[in-house]
Amino acid sequence: RCKIVRYTSYGNGFLRNNKLYTDTIVQLALQLAFLKTHGSFAPIYETASTRKFFHGRTETVRGCTVEMVAFGKAVLGSSKVALFGILGFR
């Protein structure tokens, strides 16, 4: 079962002003949902085009990084100190 939620509090303008990318936020949300549902992180990857380079081809970018794991554990662990540390707040 899938529930669609329309979030209207902020959009691309807010993300751009804070130097964030929409794709990054979506990947974070997907990883957090998977972690909460299955109790582990998903070994995700995305395709990355290198066609603008000489002999460019499609490469893969791995999204489940050490930082992603730390972020997920901090969010689900409700540790505000750890979460703010990861996000760079004091």
PDB file of N, CA and C in Angstrom:
ATOM      1  N   ARG A   1       0.832  -1.165   0.000  1.00  0.00           N
ATOM      2  CA  ARG A   1       0.000   0.000   0.000  1.00  0.00           C
ATOM      3  C   ARG A   1       0.884   1.237   0.000  1.00  0.00           C
ATOM      4  N   CYS A   2       0.519   2.193  -0.803  1.00  0.00           N
ATOM      5  CA  CYS A   2       1.297   3.423  -0.932  1.00  0.00           C
ATOM      6  C   CYS A   2       0.403   4.619  -0.618  1.00  0.00           C
ATOM      7  N   LYS A   3       0.907   5.512   0.189  1.00  0.00           N
ATOM      8  CA  LYS A   3       0.161   6.720   0.522  1.00  0.00           C
ATOM      9  C   LYS A   3       0.896   7.912  -0.069  1.00  0.00           C
ATOM     10  N   ILE A   4       0.207   8.713  -0.830  1.00  0.00           N
ATOM     11  CA  ILE A   4       0.799   9.899  -1.444  1.00  0.00           C
ATOM     12  C   ILE A   4       0.550  11.095  -0.534  1.00  0.00           C
ATOM     13  N   VAL A   5       1.622  11.813  -0.242  1.00  0.00           N
ATOM     14  CA  VAL A   5       1.535  12.995   0.606  1.00  0.00           C
ATOM     15  C   VAL A   5       2.047  14.181  -0.192  1.00  0.00           C
ATOM     16  N   ARG A   6       1.256  15.225  -0.256  1.00  0.00           N
ATOM     17  CA  ARG A   6       1.685  16.439  -0.957  1.00  0.00           C
ATOM     18  C   ARG A   6       2.248  17.405   0.080  1.00  0.00           C
ATOM     19  N   TYR A   7       3.530  17.685  -0.054  1.00  0.00           N
ATOM     20  CA  TYR A   7       4.213  18.566   0.888  1.00  0.00           C
ATOM     21  C   TYR A   7       4.301  19.953   0.266  1.00  0.00           C
ATOM     22  N   THR A   8       3.732  20.945   0.931  1.00  0.00           N
ATOM     23  CA  THR A   8       3.668  22.288   0.354  1.00  0.00           C
ATOM     24  C   THR A   8       4.379  23.354   1.198  1.00  0.00           C
ATOM     25  N   SER A   9       5.101  22.953   2.229  1.00  0.00           N
ATOM     26  CA  SER A   9       5.750  23.938   3.102  1.00  0.00           C
ATOM     27  C   SER A   9       6.907  24.657   2.424  1.00  0.00           C
ATOM     28  N   TYR A  10       7.645  23.960   1.574  1.00  0.00           N
ATOM     29  CA  TYR A  10       8.708  24.596   0.803  1.00  0.00           C
ATOM     30  C   TYR A  10       8.978  23.760  -0.429  1.00  0.00           C
ATOM     31  N   GLY A  11       9.694  24.350  -1.379  1.00  0.00           N
ATOM     32  CA  GLY A  11       9.946  23.655  -2.638  1.00  0.00           C
ATOM     33  C   GLY A  11      11.358  23.863  -3.143  1.00  0.00           C
ATOM     34  N   ASN A  12      11.513  23.847  -4.464  1.00  0.00           N
ATOM     35  CA  ASN A  12      12.834  23.945  -5.083  1.00  0.00           C
ATOM     36  C   ASN A  12      13.571  25.231  -4.739  1.00  0.00           C
ATOM     37  N   GLY A  13      12.845  26.330  -4.616  1.00  0.00           N
ATOM     38  CA  GLY A  13      13.487  27.604  -4.283  1.00  0.00           C
ATOM     39  C   GLY A  13      14.210  27.533  -2.949  1.00  0.00           C
ATOM     40  N   PHE A  14      13.551  26.968  -1.956  1.00  0.00           N
ATOM     41  CA  PHE A  14      14.164  26.796  -0.636  1.00  0.00           C
ATOM     42  C   PHE A  14      15.390  25.900  -0.724  1.00  0.00           C
ATOM     43  N   LEU A  15      15.262  24.799  -1.465  1.00  0.00           N
ATOM     44  CA  LEU A  15      16.382  23.864  -1.597  1.00  0.00           C
ATOM     45  C   LEU A  15      17.570  24.530  -2.282  1.00  0.00           C
ATOM     46  N   ARG A  16      17.321  25.246  -3.376  1.00  0.00           N
ATOM     47  CA  ARG A  16      18.408  25.923  -4.098  1.00  0.00           C
ATOM     48  C   ARG A  16      19.095  26.964  -3.220  1.00  0.00           C
ATOM     49  N   ASN A  17      18.303  27.726  -2.473  1.00  0.00           N
ATOM     50  CA  ASN A  17      18.874  28.750  -1.588  1.00  0.00           C
ATOM     51  C   ASN A  17      19.765  28.141  -0.512  1.00  0.00           C
ATOM     52  N   ASN A  18      19.501  26.893  -0.161  1.00  0.00           N
ATOM     53  CA  ASN A  18      20.293  26.204   0.859  1.00  0.00           C
ATOM     54  C   ASN A  18      21.281  25.210   0.260  1.00  0.00           C
ATOM     55  N   LYS A  19      21.518  25.351  -1.051  1.00  0.00           N
ATOM     56  CA  LYS A  19      22.491  24.526  -1.784  1.00  0.00           C
ATOM     57  C   LYS A  19      22.206  23.031  -1.656  1.00  0.00           C
ATOM     58  N   LEU A  20      20.919  22.681  -1.755  1.00  0.00           N
ATOM     59  CA  LEU A  20      20.490  21.285  -1.730  1.00  0.00           C
ATOM     60  C   LEU A  20      19.875  20.933  -3.075  1.00  0.00           C
ATOM     61  N   TYR A  21      19.899  19.659  -3.409  1.00  0.00           N
ATOM     62  CA  TYR A  21      19.312  19.193  -4.659  1.00  0.00           C
ATOM     63  C   TYR A  21      18.093  18.335  -4.357  1.00  0.00           C
ATOM     64  N   THR A  22      17.066  18.490  -5.182  1.00  0.00           N
ATOM     65  CA  THR A  22      15.837  17.727  -5.005  1.00  0.00           C
ATOM     66  C   THR A  22      16.122  16.236  -4.979  1.00  0.00           C
ATOM     67  N   ASP A  23      16.981  15.765  -5.867  1.00  0.00           N
ATOM     68  CA  ASP A  23      17.304  14.348  -5.927  1.00  0.00           C
ATOM     69  C   ASP A  23      17.917  13.858  -4.613  1.00  0.00           C
ATOM     70  N   THR A  24      18.719  14.684  -3.985  1.00  0.00           N
ATOM     71  CA  THR A  24      19.331  14.315  -2.708  1.00  0.00           C
ATOM     72  C   THR A  24      18.266  14.102  -1.644  1.00  0.00           C
ATOM     73  N   ILE A  25      17.305  15.009  -1.587  1.00  0.00           N
ATOM     74  CA  ILE A  25      16.235  14.909  -0.596  1.00  0.00           C
ATOM     75  C   ILE A  25      15.399  13.663  -0.845  1.00  0.00           C
ATOM     76  N   VAL A  26      15.108  13.371  -2.102  1.00  0.00           N
ATOM     77  CA  VAL A  26      14.333  12.171  -2.441  1.00  0.00           C
ATOM     78  C   VAL A  26      15.102  10.915  -2.041  1.00  0.00           C
ATOM     79  N   GLN A  27      16.406  10.869  -2.330  1.00  0.00           N
ATOM     80  CA  GLN A  27      17.215   9.706  -1.956  1.00  0.00           C
ATOM     81  C   GLN A  27      17.255   9.530  -0.437  1.00  0.00           C
ATOM     82  N   LEU A  28      17.378  10.629   0.303  1.00  0.00           N
ATOM     83  CA  LEU A  28      17.339  10.551   1.766  1.00  0.00           C
ATOM     84  C   LEU A  28      16.007   9.988   2.245  1.00  0.00           C
ATOM     85  N   ALA A  29      14.922  10.477   1.671  1.00  0.00           N
ATOM     86  CA  ALA A  29      13.594  10.005   2.069  1.00  0.00           C
ATOM     87  C   ALA A  29      13.414   8.522   1.762  1.00  0.00           C
ATOM     88  N   LEU A  30      13.870   8.084   0.586  1.00  0.00           N
ATOM     89  CA  LEU A  30      13.754   6.669   0.227  1.00  0.00           C
ATOM     90  C   LEU A  30      14.574   5.791   1.166  1.00  0.00           C
ATOM     91  N   GLN A  31      15.793   6.217   1.480  1.00  0.00           N
ATOM     92  CA  GLN A  31      16.632   5.429   2.385  1.00  0.00           C
ATOM     93  C   GLN A  31      16.020   5.357   3.785  1.00  0.00           C
ATOM     94  N   LEU A  32      15.495   6.484   4.268  1.00  0.00           N
ATOM     95  CA  LEU A  32      14.877   6.485   5.594  1.00  0.00           C
ATOM     96  C   LEU A  32      13.640   5.599   5.626  1.00  0.00           C
ATOM     97  N   ALA A  33      12.837   5.644   4.568  1.00  0.00           N
ATOM     98  CA  ALA A  33      11.645   4.789   4.498  1.00  0.00           C
ATOM     99  C   ALA A  33      12.037   3.315   4.473  1.00  0.00           C
ATOM    100  N   PHE A  34      13.057   2.973   3.686  1.00  0.00           N
ATOM    101  CA  PHE A  34      13.518   1.584   3.608  1.00  0.00           C
ATOM    102  C   PHE A  34      14.069   1.132   4.958  1.00  0.00           C
ATOM    103  N   LEU A  35      14.857   1.995   5.603  1.00  0.00           N
ATOM    104  CA  LEU A  35      15.433   1.668   6.903  1.00  0.00           C
ATOM    105  C   LEU A  35      14.340   1.441   7.944  1.00  0.00           C
ATOM    106  N   LYS A  36      13.350   2.314   7.956  1.00  0.00           N
ATOM    107  CA  LYS A  36      12.268   2.189   8.929  1.00  0.00           C
ATOM    108  C   LYS A  36      11.430   0.940   8.669  1.00  0.00           C
ATOM    109  N   THR A  37      11.243   0.587   7.402  1.00  0.00           N
ATOM    110  CA  THR A  37      10.427  -0.570   7.043  1.00  0.00           C
ATOM    111  C   THR A  37      11.161  -1.888   7.244  1.00  0.00           C
ATOM    112  N   HIS A  38      12.419  -1.953   6.811  1.00  0.00           N
ATOM    113  CA  HIS A  38      13.151  -3.222   6.783  1.00  0.00           C
ATOM    114  C   HIS A  38      14.250  -3.341   7.840  1.00  0.00           C
ATOM    115  N   GLY A  39      14.594  -2.245   8.497  1.00  0.00           N
ATOM    116  CA  GLY A  39      15.618  -2.297   9.531  1.00  0.00           C
ATOM    117  C   GLY A  39      17.044  -2.334   9.016  1.00  0.00           C
ATOM    118  N   SER A  40      17.224  -2.104   7.721  1.00  0.00           N
ATOM    119  CA  SER A  40      18.566  -2.061   7.137  1.00  0.00           C
ATOM    120  C   SER A  40      18.569  -1.044   6.000  1.00  0.00           C
ATOM    121  N   PHE A  41      19.750  -0.741   5.514  1.00  0.00           N
ATOM    122  CA  PHE A  41      19.878   0.227   4.432  1.00  0.00           C
ATOM    123  C   PHE A  41      19.846  -0.484   3.090  1.00  0.00           C
ATOM    124  N   ALA A  42      19.310   0.179   2.087  1.00  0.00           N
ATOM    125  CA  ALA A  42      19.227  -0.391   0.741  1.00  0.00           C
ATOM    126  C   ALA A  42      20.498  -0.058  -0.035  1.00  0.00           C
ATOM    127  N   PRO A  43      21.063  -1.034  -0.735  1.00  0.00           N
ATOM    128  CA  PRO A  43      22.261  -0.765  -1.550  1.00  0.00           C
ATOM    129  C   PRO A  43      21.874  -0.087  -2.862  1.00  0.00           C
ATOM    130  N   ILE A  44      21.525   1.193  -2.793  1.00  0.00           N
ATOM    131  CA  ILE A  44      21.009   1.907  -3.962  1.00  0.00           C
ATOM    132  C   ILE A  44      22.129   2.413  -4.861  1.00  0.00           C
ATOM    133  N   TYR A  45      21.777   2.626  -6.112  1.00  0.00           N
ATOM    134  CA  TYR A  45      22.700   3.284  -7.035  1.00  0.00           C
ATOM    135  C   TYR A  45      21.892   4.009  -8.096  1.00  0.00           C
ATOM    136  N   GLU A  46      22.511   5.001  -8.687  1.00  0.00           N
ATOM    137  CA  GLU A  46      21.895   5.767  -9.768  1.00  0.00           C
ATOM    138  C   GLU A  46      22.851   5.808 -10.944  1.00  0.00           C
ATOM    139  N   THR A  47      22.291   5.983 -12.117  1.00  0.00           N
ATOM    140  CA  THR A  47      23.155   6.136 -13.282  1.00  0.00           C
ATOM    141  C   THR A  47      23.628   7.583 -13.362  1.00  0.00           C
ATOM    142  N   ALA A  48      24.837   7.759 -13.817  1.00  0.00           N
ATOM    143  CA  ALA A  48      25.424   9.084 -13.993  1.00  0.00           C
ATOM    144  C   ALA A  48      26.008   9.155 -15.398  1.00  0.00           C
ATOM    145  N   SER A  49      25.574  10.131 -16.147  1.00  0.00           N
ATOM    146  CA  SER A  49      26.043  10.276 -17.519  1.00  0.00           C
ATOM    147  C   SER A  49      27.397  10.974 -17.565  1.00  0.00           C
ATOM    148  N   THR A  50      28.305  10.408 -18.329  1.00  0.00           N
ATOM    149  CA  THR A  50      29.608  11.046 -18.547  1.00  0.00           C
ATOM    150  C   THR A  50      29.793  11.318 -20.039  1.00  0.00           C
ATOM    151  N   ARG A  51      28.686  11.468 -20.749  1.00  0.00           N
ATOM    152  CA  ARG A  51      28.743  11.605 -22.211  1.00  0.00           C
ATOM    153  C   ARG A  51      29.465  12.865 -22.672  1.00  0.00           C
ATOM    154  N   LYS A  52      29.563  13.872 -21.823  1.00  0.00           N
ATOM    155  CA  LYS A  52      30.245  15.106 -22.217  1.00  0.00           C
ATOM    156  C   LYS A  52      31.762  14.961 -22.196  1.00  0.00           C
ATOM    157  N   PHE A  53      32.246  13.880 -21.610  1.00  0.00           N
ATOM    158  CA  PHE A  53      33.681  13.617 -21.572  1.00  0.00           C
ATOM    159  C   PHE A  53      34.079  12.756 -22.762  1.00  0.00           C
ATOM    160  N   PHE A  54      35.338  12.753 -23.091  1.00  0.00           N
ATOM    161  CA  PHE A  54      35.854  11.960 -24.197  1.00  0.00           C
ATOM    162  C   PHE A  54      35.565  10.484 -23.931  1.00  0.00           C
ATOM    163  N   HIS A  55      34.951   9.811 -24.893  1.00  0.00           N
ATOM    164  CA  HIS A  55      34.516   8.415 -24.767  1.00  0.00           C
ATOM    165  C   HIS A  55      33.600   8.218 -23.555  1.00  0.00           C
ATOM    166  N   GLY A  56      32.787   9.227 -23.268  1.00  0.00           N
ATOM    167  CA  GLY A  56      31.898   9.158 -22.114  1.00  0.00           C
ATOM    168  C   GLY A  56      30.901   8.022 -22.219  1.00  0.00           C
ATOM    169  N   ARG A  57      30.508   7.496 -21.098  1.00  0.00           N
ATOM    170  CA  ARG A  57      29.546   6.405 -21.037  1.00  0.00           C
ATOM    171  C   ARG A  57      28.738   6.574 -19.757  1.00  0.00           C
ATOM    172  N   THR A  58      27.918   5.622 -19.454  1.00  0.00           N
ATOM    173  CA  THR A  58      27.126   5.674 -18.237  1.00  0.00           C
ATOM    174  C   THR A  58      27.880   5.000 -17.100  1.00  0.00           C
ATOM    175  N   GLU A  59      27.965   5.679 -15.993  1.00  0.00           N
ATOM    176  CA  GLU A  59      28.593   5.139 -14.788  1.00  0.00           C
ATOM    177  C   GLU A  59      27.529   5.032 -13.703  1.00  0.00           C
ATOM    178  N   THR A  60      27.862   4.420 -12.598  1.00  0.00           N
ATOM    179  CA  THR A  60      26.932   4.346 -11.476  1.00  0.00           C
ATOM    180  C   THR A  60      27.479   5.126 -10.288  1.00  0.00           C
ATOM    181  N   VAL A  61      26.561   5.719  -9.554  1.00  0.00           N
ATOM    182  CA  VAL A  61      26.891   6.449  -8.338  1.00  0.00           C
ATOM    183  C   VAL A  61      26.225   5.705  -7.189  1.00  0.00           C
ATOM    184  N   ARG A  62      26.994   5.314  -6.215  1.00  0.00           N
ATOM    185  CA  ARG A  62      26.458   4.587  -5.056  1.00  0.00           C
ATOM    186  C   ARG A  62      25.963   5.586  -4.024  1.00  0.00           C
ATOM    187  N   GLY A  63      24.708   5.446  -3.638  1.00  0.00           N
ATOM    188  CA  GLY A  63      24.099   6.413  -2.736  1.00  0.00           C
ATOM    189  C   GLY A  63      24.130   6.042  -1.268  1.00  0.00           C
ATOM    190  N   CYS A  64      24.381   4.786  -0.953  1.00  0.00           N
ATOM    191  CA  CYS A  64      24.400   4.359   0.446  1.00  0.00           C
ATOM    192  C   CYS A  64      25.811   4.546   0.997  1.00  0.00           C
ATOM    193  N   THR A  65      26.089   5.762   1.421  1.00  0.00           N
ATOM    194  CA  THR A  65      27.423   6.127   1.899  1.00  0.00           C
ATOM    195  C   THR A  65      27.489   6.056   3.429  1.00  0.00           C
ATOM    196  N   VAL A  66      28.665   6.228   3.955  1.00  0.00           N
ATOM    197  CA  VAL A  66      28.858   6.270   5.406  1.00  0.00           C
ATOM    198  C   VAL A  66      28.038   7.418   5.997  1.00  0.00           C
ATOM    199  N   GLU A  67      28.007   8.547   5.291  1.00  0.00           N
ATOM    200  CA  GLU A  67      27.240   9.708   5.755  1.00  0.00           C
ATOM    201  C   GLU A  67      25.741   9.414   5.756  1.00  0.00           C
ATOM    202  N   MET A  68      25.268   8.688   4.745  1.00  0.00           N
ATOM    203  CA  MET A  68      23.850   8.322   4.672  1.00  0.00           C
ATOM    204  C   MET A  68      23.476   7.424   5.849  1.00  0.00           C
ATOM    205  N   VAL A  69      24.326   6.467   6.167  1.00  0.00           N
ATOM    206  CA  VAL A  69      24.070   5.560   7.291  1.00  0.00           C
ATOM    207  C   VAL A  69      24.050   6.340   8.608  1.00  0.00           C
ATOM    208  N   ALA A  70      25.009   7.244   8.805  1.00  0.00           N
ATOM    209  CA  ALA A  70      25.049   8.058  10.025  1.00  0.00           C
ATOM    210  C   ALA A  70      23.804   8.928  10.134  1.00  0.00           C
ATOM    211  N   PHE A  71      23.377   9.515   9.013  1.00  0.00           N
ATOM    212  CA  PHE A  71      22.181  10.349   8.999  1.00  0.00           C
ATOM    213  C   PHE A  71      20.947   9.525   9.362  1.00  0.00           C
ATOM    214  N   GLY A  72      20.803   8.354   8.748  1.00  0.00           N
ATOM    215  CA  GLY A  72      19.652   7.493   9.024  1.00  0.00           C
ATOM    216  C   GLY A  72      19.589   7.060  10.473  1.00  0.00           C
ATOM    217  N   LYS A  73      20.725   6.671  11.031  1.00  0.00           N
ATOM    218  CA  LYS A  73      20.766   6.254  12.433  1.00  0.00           C
ATOM    219  C   LYS A  73      20.437   7.418  13.361  1.00  0.00           C
ATOM    220  N   ALA A  74      20.918   8.613  13.030  1.00  0.00           N
ATOM    221  CA  ALA A  74      20.644   9.790  13.859  1.00  0.00           C
ATOM    222  C   ALA A  74      19.171  10.164  13.809  1.00  0.00           C
ATOM    223  N   VAL A  75      18.560  10.106  12.628  1.00  0.00           N
ATOM    224  CA  VAL A  75      17.146  10.468  12.493  1.00  0.00           C
ATOM    225  C   VAL A  75      16.266   9.466  13.225  1.00  0.00           C
ATOM    226  N   LEU A  76      16.473   8.185  12.981  1.00  0.00           N
ATOM    227  CA  LEU A  76      15.621   7.174  13.601  1.00  0.00           C
ATOM    228  C   LEU A  76      15.955   6.956  15.068  1.00  0.00           C
ATOM    229  N   GLY A  77      17.163   7.319  15.467  1.00  0.00           N
ATOM    230  CA  GLY A  77      17.543   7.190  16.865  1.00  0.00           C
ATOM    231  C   GLY A  77      17.108   8.381  17.703  1.00  0.00           C
ATOM    232  N   SER A  78      16.551   9.385  17.066  1.00  0.00           N
ATOM    233  CA  SER A  78      16.069  10.599  17.731  1.00  0.00           C
ATOM    234  C   SER A  78      17.153  11.316  18.524  1.00  0.00           C
ATOM    235  N   SER A  79      18.398  11.205  18.076  1.00  0.00           N
ATOM    236  CA  SER A  79      19.497  11.892  18.743  1.00  0.00           C
ATOM    237  C   SER A  79      19.708  13.247  18.072  1.00  0.00           C
ATOM    238  N   LYS A  80      19.165  14.292  18.676  1.00  0.00           N
ATOM    239  CA  LYS A  80      19.286  15.624  18.083  1.00  0.00           C
ATOM    240  C   LYS A  80      20.734  16.086  18.040  1.00  0.00           C
ATOM    241  N   VAL A  81      21.517  15.725  19.042  1.00  0.00           N
ATOM    242  CA  VAL A  81      22.926  16.121  19.066  1.00  0.00           C
ATOM    243  C   VAL A  81      23.656  15.503  17.884  1.00  0.00           C
ATOM    244  N   ALA A  82      23.459  14.199  17.660  1.00  0.00           N
ATOM    245  CA  ALA A  82      24.111  13.517  16.535  1.00  0.00           C
ATOM    246  C   ALA A  82      23.608  14.068  15.211  1.00  0.00           C
ATOM    247  N   LEU A  83      22.300  14.302  15.105  1.00  0.00           N
ATOM    248  CA  LEU A  83      21.719  14.809  13.864  1.00  0.00           C
ATOM    249  C   LEU A  83      22.252  16.195  13.540  1.00  0.00           C
ATOM    250  N   PHE A  84      22.284  17.088  14.519  1.00  0.00           N
ATOM    251  CA  PHE A  84      22.803  18.430  14.273  1.00  0.00           C
ATOM    252  C   PHE A  84      24.286  18.393  13.933  1.00  0.00           C
ATOM    253  N   GLY A  85      25.028  17.483  14.546  1.00  0.00           N
ATOM    254  CA  GLY A  85      26.444  17.335  14.220  1.00  0.00           C
ATOM    255  C   GLY A  85      26.645  16.917  12.779  1.00  0.00           C
ATOM    256  N   ILE A  86      25.823  15.991  12.302  1.00  0.00           N
ATOM    257  CA  ILE A  86      25.911  15.532  10.917  1.00  0.00           C
ATOM    258  C   ILE A  86      25.552  16.659   9.963  1.00  0.00           C
ATOM    259  N   LEU A  87      24.536  17.434  10.319  1.00  0.00           N
ATOM    260  CA  LEU A  87      24.078  18.515   9.447  1.00  0.00           C
ATOM    261  C   LEU A  87      24.960  19.754   9.536  1.00  0.00           C
ATOM    262  N   GLY A  88      25.888  19.789  10.477  1.00  0.00           N
ATOM    263  CA  GLY A  88      26.818  20.912  10.574  1.00  0.00           C
ATOM    264  C   GLY A  88      26.340  22.050  11.450  1.00  0.00           C
ATOM    265  N   PHE A  89      25.315  21.815  12.264  1.00  0.00           N
ATOM    266  CA  PHE A  89      24.843  22.846  13.185  1.00  0.00           C
ATOM    267  C   PHE A  89      25.589  22.728  14.502  1.00  0.00           C
ATOM    268  N   ARG A  90      25.591  23.803  15.250  1.00  0.00           N
ATOM    269  CA  ARG A  90      26.239  23.784  16.573  1.00  0.00           C
ATOM    270  C   ARG A  90      25.203  23.926  17.656  1.00  0.00           C
TER     271      ARG A  90
END
